[in-house]
Structures are given as C-alpha cells and as structure tokens.
Amino acid sequence: MEKSEFKYEIVNQYGVISQSSTGWTKELNKISWNGGNPKYDIRDWAPEHQKMGKGVTLTDDEFEALKKLINGI
C-alpha cells in the first residue's frame, strides 16, 4: 500500500500548548491542507515541524463552538 502524499501550509502559528521532554510540542495553528481553506489545528510537532503526530482539525464554526464550551467550564 502506497503512502498518500499531502501538502500543508501553516498559515498562522498561535502558540505552544505544551512541550514534551523529547522536544515535541503540542501547538495550535491554522493550516491549509492540500490547498484547501485553512482550519484550526491542534497536534504534536517534532522540532522544526519536520514530523507531525495525529491531531484535531476544526473549521471556524467548530472552533467558535469549542471556545464557548471552554469558556463555560
């Protein structure tokens, strides 16, 4: 099975949520995947963004709903 190729562009880097002892960081960014509309993205990144872990991608509406939920806690 071939690994599918995909492209991404980090449009905005909002910040680091946490950092592991290995140097990987959990970040909130806005990313355009395969040339699509940028989406909010939370995932782990290796130093210099050369590798990434699994993450969560949110549309603008989903991100606003998440902010409301967090603010209500």
PDB file of N, CA and C in Angstrom:
ATOM      1  N   MET A   1       0.840  -1.178   0.000  1.00  0.00           N
ATOM      2  CA  MET A   1       0.000   0.000   0.000  1.00  0.00           C
ATOM      3  C   MET A   1       0.888   1.246   0.000  1.00  0.00           C
ATOM      4  N   GLU A   2       0.659   2.137  -0.942  1.00  0.00           N
ATOM      5  CA  GLU A   2       1.448   3.352  -1.042  1.00  0.00           C
ATOM      6  C   GLU A   2       0.973   4.377  -0.021  1.00  0.00           C
ATOM      7  N   LYS A   3       1.913   5.134   0.482  1.00  0.00           N
ATOM      8  CA  LYS A   3       1.583   6.224   1.390  1.00  0.00           C
ATOM      9  C   LYS A   3       1.100   7.400   0.543  1.00  0.00           C
ATOM     10  N   SER A   4      -0.067   7.942   0.875  1.00  0.00           N
ATOM     11  CA  SER A   4      -0.584   9.061   0.093  1.00  0.00           C
ATOM     12  C   SER A   4       0.183  10.331   0.431  1.00  0.00           C
ATOM     13  N   GLU A   5       0.446  11.128  -0.580  1.00  0.00           N
ATOM     14  CA  GLU A   5       1.145  12.389  -0.398  1.00  0.00           C
ATOM     15  C   GLU A   5       0.129  13.481  -0.079  1.00  0.00           C
ATOM     16  N   PHE A   6       0.475  14.376   0.794  1.00  0.00           N
ATOM     17  CA  PHE A   6      -0.375  15.513   1.068  1.00  0.00           C
ATOM     18  C   PHE A   6       0.523  16.710   1.337  1.00  0.00           C
ATOM     19  N   LYS A   7      -0.047  17.883   1.132  1.00  0.00           N
ATOM     20  CA  LYS A   7       0.687  19.116   1.345  1.00  0.00           C
ATOM     21  C   LYS A   7      -0.005  19.904   2.444  1.00  0.00           C
ATOM     22  N   TYR A   8       0.774  20.667   3.161  1.00  0.00           N
ATOM     23  CA  TYR A   8       0.200  21.543   4.177  1.00  0.00           C
ATOM     24  C   TYR A   8       1.007  22.823   4.242  1.00  0.00           C
ATOM     25  N   GLU A   9       0.330  23.887   4.630  1.00  0.00           N
ATOM     26  CA  GLU A   9       0.979  25.168   4.841  1.00  0.00           C
ATOM     27  C   GLU A   9       0.464  25.714   6.166  1.00  0.00           C
ATOM     28  N   ILE A  10       1.379  26.000   7.077  1.00  0.00           N
ATOM     29  CA  ILE A  10       0.999  26.613   8.343  1.00  0.00           C
ATOM     30  C   ILE A  10       0.794  28.096   8.073  1.00  0.00           C
ATOM     31  N   VAL A  11      -0.462  28.519   8.106  1.00  0.00           N
ATOM     32  CA  VAL A  11      -0.833  29.895   7.778  1.00  0.00           C
ATOM     33  C   VAL A  11      -0.609  30.813   8.978  1.00  0.00           C
ATOM     34  N   ASN A  12      -1.000  30.369  10.175  1.00  0.00           N
ATOM     35  CA  ASN A  12      -0.805  31.124  11.417  1.00  0.00           C
ATOM     36  C   ASN A  12      -0.345  30.170  12.504  1.00  0.00           C
ATOM     37  N   GLN A  13       0.658  30.581  13.252  1.00  0.00           N
ATOM     38  CA  GLN A  13       1.100  29.834  14.420  1.00  0.00           C
ATOM     39  C   GLN A  13       0.634  30.618  15.647  1.00  0.00           C
ATOM     40  N   TYR A  14      -0.336  30.064  16.379  1.00  0.00           N
ATOM     41  CA  TYR A  14      -0.893  30.775  17.524  1.00  0.00           C
ATOM     42  C   TYR A  14      -0.109  30.536  18.802  1.00  0.00           C
ATOM     43  N   GLY A  15       0.437  29.333  18.966  1.00  0.00           N
ATOM     44  CA  GLY A  15       1.231  29.112  20.164  1.00  0.00           C
ATOM     45  C   GLY A  15       1.371  27.657  20.540  1.00  0.00           C
ATOM     46  N   VAL A  16       2.256  27.440  21.497  1.00  0.00           N
ATOM     47  CA  VAL A  16       2.551  26.106  22.025  1.00  0.00           C
ATOM     48  C   VAL A  16       1.699  25.881  23.260  1.00  0.00           C
ATOM     49  N   ILE A  17       1.008  24.747  23.280  1.00  0.00           N
ATOM     50  CA  ILE A  17       0.174  24.375  24.424  1.00  0.00           C
ATOM     51  C   ILE A  17       1.028  23.665  25.474  1.00  0.00           C
ATOM     52  N   SER A  18       1.920  22.781  25.005  1.00  0.00           N
ATOM     53  CA  SER A  18       2.812  22.057  25.907  1.00  0.00           C
ATOM     54  C   SER A  18       4.018  21.561  25.125  1.00  0.00           C
ATOM     55  N   GLN A  19       5.049  21.141  25.871  1.00  0.00           N
ATOM     56  CA  GLN A  19       6.254  20.589  25.251  1.00  0.00           C
ATOM     57  C   GLN A  19       6.684  19.355  26.023  1.00  0.00           C
ATOM     58  N   SER A  20       7.034  18.289  25.284  1.00  0.00           N
ATOM     59  CA  SER A  20       7.478  17.049  25.925  1.00  0.00           C
ATOM     60  C   SER A  20       8.988  17.092  26.148  1.00  0.00           C
ATOM     61  N   SER A  21       9.488  16.137  26.905  1.00  0.00           N
ATOM     62  CA  SER A  21      10.923  16.064  27.179  1.00  0.00           C
ATOM     63  C   SER A  21      11.731  15.741  25.917  1.00  0.00           C
ATOM     64  N   THR A  22      11.053  15.223  24.875  1.00  0.00           N
ATOM     65  CA  THR A  22      11.742  14.903  23.617  1.00  0.00           C
ATOM     66  C   THR A  22      11.821  16.110  22.684  1.00  0.00           C
ATOM     67  N   GLY A  23      11.202  17.225  23.074  1.00  0.00           N
ATOM     68  CA  GLY A  23      11.232  18.425  22.245  1.00  0.00           C
ATOM     69  C   GLY A  23      10.016  18.606  21.361  1.00  0.00           C
ATOM     70  N   TRP A  24       9.156  17.576  21.304  1.00  0.00           N
ATOM     71  CA  TRP A  24       7.915  17.710  20.532  1.00  0.00           C
ATOM     72  C   TRP A  24       7.008  18.698  21.255  1.00  0.00           C
ATOM     73  N   THR A  25       6.247  19.481  20.458  1.00  0.00           N
ATOM     74  CA  THR A  25       5.337  20.457  21.032  1.00  0.00           C
ATOM     75  C   THR A  25       3.919  20.208  20.549  1.00  0.00           C
ATOM     76  N   LYS A  26       2.952  20.439  21.443  1.00  0.00           N
ATOM     77  CA  LYS A  26       1.539  20.417  21.071  1.00  0.00           C
ATOM     78  C   LYS A  26       1.187  21.862  20.779  1.00  0.00           C
ATOM     79  N   GLU A  27       0.716  22.140  19.551  1.00  0.00           N
ATOM     80  CA  GLU A  27       0.522  23.517  19.112  1.00  0.00           C
ATOM     81  C   GLU A  27      -0.877  23.753  18.581  1.00  0.00           C
ATOM     82  N   LEU A  28      -1.291  25.026  18.660  1.00  0.00           N
ATOM     83  CA  LEU A  28      -2.493  25.486  17.982  1.00  0.00           C
ATOM     84  C   LEU A  28      -2.036  26.319  16.795  1.00  0.00           C
ATOM     85  N   ASN A  29      -2.404  25.885  15.613  1.00  0.00           N
ATOM     86  CA  ASN A  29      -2.052  26.573  14.377  1.00  0.00           C
ATOM     87  C   ASN A  29      -3.269  26.645  13.476  1.00  0.00           C
ATOM     88  N   LYS A  30      -3.177  27.442  12.437  1.00  0.00           N
ATOM     89  CA  LYS A  30      -4.167  27.425  11.367  1.00  0.00           C
ATOM     90  C   LYS A  30      -3.424  26.917  10.138  1.00  0.00           C
ATOM     91  N   ILE A  31      -3.945  25.814   9.567  1.00  0.00           N
ATOM     92  CA  ILE A  31      -3.231  25.109   8.500  1.00  0.00           C
ATOM     93  C   ILE A  31      -4.132  24.924   7.292  1.00  0.00           C
ATOM     94  N   SER A  32      -3.544  25.128   6.114  1.00  0.00           N
ATOM     95  CA  SER A  32      -4.213  24.811   4.853  1.00  0.00           C
ATOM     96  C   SER A  32      -3.723  23.419   4.439  1.00  0.00           C
ATOM     97  N   TRP A  33      -4.646  22.476   4.346  1.00  0.00           N
ATOM     98  CA  TRP A  33      -4.317  21.109   3.947  1.00  0.00           C
ATOM     99  C   TRP A  33      -4.626  20.932   2.459  1.00  0.00           C
ATOM    100  N   ASN A  34      -3.642  20.515   1.696  1.00  0.00           N
ATOM    101  CA  ASN A  34      -3.804  20.265   0.255  1.00  0.00           C
ATOM    102  C   ASN A  34      -4.424  21.454  -0.480  1.00  0.00           C
ATOM    103  N   GLY A  35      -4.041  22.667  -0.093  1.00  0.00           N
ATOM    104  CA  GLY A  35      -4.501  23.870  -0.767  1.00  0.00           C
ATOM    105  C   GLY A  35      -5.905  24.309  -0.396  1.00  0.00           C
ATOM    106  N   GLY A  36      -6.529  23.640   0.566  1.00  0.00           N
ATOM    107  CA  GLY A  36      -7.892  23.981   0.974  1.00  0.00           C
ATOM    108  C   GLY A  36      -7.939  25.183   1.897  1.00  0.00           C
ATOM    109  N   ASN A  37      -9.155  25.542   2.304  1.00  0.00           N
ATOM    110  CA  ASN A  37      -9.334  26.638   3.255  1.00  0.00           C
ATOM    111  C   ASN A  37      -8.628  26.300   4.562  1.00  0.00           C
ATOM    112  N   PRO A  38      -7.910  27.264   5.132  1.00  0.00           N
ATOM    113  CA  PRO A  38      -7.203  26.998   6.388  1.00  0.00           C
ATOM    114  C   PRO A  38      -8.187  26.649   7.508  1.00  0.00           C
ATOM    115  N   LYS A  39      -7.754  25.710   8.359  1.00  0.00           N
ATOM    116  CA  LYS A  39      -8.548  25.278   9.508  1.00  0.00           C
ATOM    117  C   LYS A  39      -7.679  25.332  10.756  1.00  0.00           C
ATOM    118  N   TYR A  40      -8.349  25.499  11.898  1.00  0.00           N
ATOM    119  CA  TYR A  40      -7.634  25.436  13.167  1.00  0.00           C
ATOM    120  C   TYR A  40      -7.166  24.010  13.380  1.00  0.00           C
ATOM    121  N   ASP A  41      -5.986  23.867  13.956  1.00  0.00           N
ATOM    122  CA  ASP A  41      -5.377  22.545  14.078  1.00  0.00           C
ATOM    123  C   ASP A  41      -4.627  22.447  15.396  1.00  0.00           C
ATOM    124  N   ILE A  42      -4.900  21.383  16.145  1.00  0.00           N
ATOM    125  CA  ILE A  42      -4.174  21.085  17.375  1.00  0.00           C
ATOM    126  C   ILE A  42      -3.499  19.738  17.177  1.00  0.00           C
ATOM    127  N   ARG A  43      -2.166  19.719  17.246  1.00  0.00           N
ATOM    128  CA  ARG A  43      -1.433  18.464  17.081  1.00  0.00           C
ATOM    129  C   ARG A  43      -0.021  18.593  17.614  1.00  0.00           C
ATOM    130  N   ASP A  44       0.632  17.434  17.743  1.00  0.00           N
ATOM    131  CA  ASP A  44       2.025  17.377  18.175  1.00  0.00           C
ATOM    132  C   ASP A  44       2.938  17.539  16.962  1.00  0.00           C
ATOM    133  N   TRP A  45       4.007  18.303  17.168  1.00  0.00           N
ATOM    134  CA  TRP A  45       5.001  18.544  16.121  1.00  0.00           C
ATOM    135  C   TRP A  45       6.396  18.266  16.650  1.00  0.00           C
ATOM    136  N   ALA A  46       7.220  17.652  15.809  1.00  0.00           N
ATOM    137  CA  ALA A  46       8.639  17.494  16.123  1.00  0.00           C
ATOM    138  C   ALA A  46       9.306  18.861  15.962  1.00  0.00           C
ATOM    139  N   PRO A  47      10.487  19.033  16.553  1.00  0.00           N
ATOM    140  CA  PRO A  47      11.202  20.295  16.363  1.00  0.00           C
ATOM    141  C   PRO A  47      11.349  20.624  14.872  1.00  0.00           C
ATOM    142  N   GLU A  48      11.236  21.897  14.552  1.00  0.00           N
ATOM    143  CA  GLU A  48      11.339  22.403  13.173  1.00  0.00           C
ATOM    144  C   GLU A  48      10.207  21.932  12.272  1.00  0.00           C
ATOM    145  N   HIS A  49       9.161  21.348  12.847  1.00  0.00           N
ATOM    146  CA  HIS A  49       7.974  20.887  12.100  1.00  0.00           C
ATOM    147  C   HIS A  49       8.303  19.862  11.014  1.00  0.00           C
ATOM    148  N   GLN A  50       9.363  19.055  11.204  1.00  0.00           N
ATOM    149  CA  GLN A  50       9.704  18.069  10.176  1.00  0.00           C
ATOM    150  C   GLN A  50       8.829  16.817  10.244  1.00  0.00           C
ATOM    151  N   LYS A  51       8.198  16.569  11.399  1.00  0.00           N
ATOM    152  CA  LYS A  51       7.271  15.441  11.557  1.00  0.00           C
ATOM    153  C   LYS A  51       6.088  15.917  12.381  1.00  0.00           C
ATOM    154  N   MET A  52       4.948  15.220  12.209  1.00  0.00           N
ATOM    155  CA  MET A  52       3.755  15.578  12.971  1.00  0.00           C
ATOM    156  C   MET A  52       3.083  14.333  13.502  1.00  0.00           C
ATOM    157  N   GLY A  53       2.353  14.508  14.589  1.00  0.00           N
ATOM    158  CA  GLY A  53       1.544  13.430  15.138  1.00  0.00           C
ATOM    159  C   GLY A  53       0.101  13.609  14.720  1.00  0.00           C
ATOM    160  N   LYS A  54      -0.739  12.728  15.205  1.00  0.00           N
ATOM    161  CA  LYS A  54      -2.170  12.850  14.926  1.00  0.00           C
ATOM    162  C   LYS A  54      -2.711  14.080  15.643  1.00  0.00           C
ATOM    163  N   GLY A  55      -3.745  14.658  15.050  1.00  0.00           N
ATOM    164  CA  GLY A  55      -4.284  15.866  15.637  1.00  0.00           C
ATOM    165  C   GLY A  55      -5.769  16.012  15.406  1.00  0.00           C
ATOM    166  N   VAL A  56      -6.264  17.178  15.775  1.00  0.00           N
ATOM    167  CA  VAL A  56      -7.668  17.533  15.610  1.00  0.00           C
ATOM    168  C   VAL A  56      -7.720  18.790  14.749  1.00  0.00           C
ATOM    169  N   THR A  57      -8.552  18.762  13.716  1.00  0.00           N
ATOM    170  CA  THR A  57      -8.720  19.903  12.823  1.00  0.00           C
ATOM    171  C   THR A  57     -10.145  20.415  12.966  1.00  0.00           C
ATOM    172  N   LEU A  58     -10.285  21.745  13.092  1.00  0.00           N
ATOM    173  CA  LEU A  58     -11.586  22.355  13.323  1.00  0.00           C
ATOM    174  C   LEU A  58     -11.851  23.484  12.329  1.00  0.00           C
ATOM    175  N   THR A  59     -13.077  23.536  11.817  1.00  0.00           N
ATOM    176  CA  THR A  59     -13.496  24.675  10.991  1.00  0.00           C
ATOM    177  C   THR A  59     -13.648  25.890  11.897  1.00  0.00           C
ATOM    178  N   ASP A  60     -13.846  27.060  11.302  1.00  0.00           N
ATOM    179  CA  ASP A  60     -14.054  28.265  12.100  1.00  0.00           C
ATOM    180  C   ASP A  60     -15.256  28.107  13.025  1.00  0.00           C
ATOM    181  N   ASP A  61     -16.361  27.554  12.510  1.00  0.00           N
ATOM    182  CA  ASP A  61     -17.568  27.365  13.332  1.00  0.00           C
ATOM    183  C   ASP A  61     -17.316  26.386  14.478  1.00  0.00           C
ATOM    184  N   GLU A  62     -16.610  25.299  14.211  1.00  0.00           N
ATOM    185  CA  GLU A  62     -16.299  24.320  15.249  1.00  0.00           C
ATOM    186  C   GLU A  62     -15.392  24.936  16.313  1.00  0.00           C
ATOM    187  N   PHE A  63     -14.437  25.751  15.874  1.00  0.00           N
ATOM    188  CA  PHE A  63     -13.526  26.401  16.817  1.00  0.00           C
ATOM    189  C   PHE A  63     -14.286  27.367  17.720  1.00  0.00           C
ATOM    190  N   GLU A  64     -15.221  28.134  17.151  1.00  0.00           N
ATOM    191  CA  GLU A  64     -16.027  29.053  17.954  1.00  0.00           C
ATOM    192  C   GLU A  64     -16.872  28.287  18.967  1.00  0.00           C
ATOM    193  N   ALA A  65     -17.437  27.143  18.556  1.00  0.00           N
ATOM    194  CA  ALA A  65     -18.228  26.314  19.476  1.00  0.00           C
ATOM    195  C   ALA A  65     -17.345  25.782  20.606  1.00  0.00           C
ATOM    196  N   LEU A  66     -16.117  25.367  20.279  1.00  0.00           N
ATOM    197  CA  LEU A  66     -15.178  24.885  21.296  1.00  0.00           C
ATOM    198  C   LEU A  66     -14.834  25.998  22.276  1.00  0.00           C
ATOM    199  N   LYS A  67     -14.594  27.209  21.789  1.00  0.00           N
ATOM    200  CA  LYS A  67     -14.304  28.334  22.683  1.00  0.00           C
ATOM    201  C   LYS A  67     -15.455  28.580  23.647  1.00  0.00           C
ATOM    202  N   LYS A  68     -16.694  28.507  23.172  1.00  0.00           N
ATOM    203  CA  LYS A  68     -17.858  28.706  24.037  1.00  0.00           C
ATOM    204  C   LYS A  68     -17.926  27.628  25.104  1.00  0.00           C
ATOM    205  N   LEU A  69     -17.643  26.372  24.705  1.00  0.00           N
ATOM    206  CA  LEU A  69     -17.646  25.284  25.679  1.00  0.00           C
ATOM    207  C   LEU A  69     -16.581  25.493  26.750  1.00  0.00           C
ATOM    208  N   ILE A  70     -15.376  25.854  26.321  1.00  0.00           N
ATOM    209  CA  ILE A  70     -14.280  26.059  27.275  1.00  0.00           C
ATOM    210  C   ILE A  70     -14.589  27.222  28.204  1.00  0.00           C
ATOM    211  N   ASN A  71     -15.119  28.307  27.660  1.00  0.00           N
ATOM    212  CA  ASN A  71     -15.442  29.470  28.489  1.00  0.00           C
ATOM    213  C   ASN A  71     -16.537  29.162  29.506  1.00  0.00           C
ATOM    214  N   GLY A  72     -17.367  28.144  29.225  1.00  0.00           N
ATOM    215  CA  GLY A  72     -18.445  27.771  30.125  1.00  0.00           C
ATOM    216  C   GLY A  72     -18.030  26.831  31.245  1.00  0.00           C
ATOM    217  N   ILE A  73     -16.803  26.379  31.215  1.00  0.00           N
ATOM    218  CA  ILE A  73     -16.316  25.445  32.242  1.00  0.00           C
ATOM    219  C   ILE A  73     -15.985  26.201  33.525  1.00  0.00           C
TER     220      ILE A  73
END
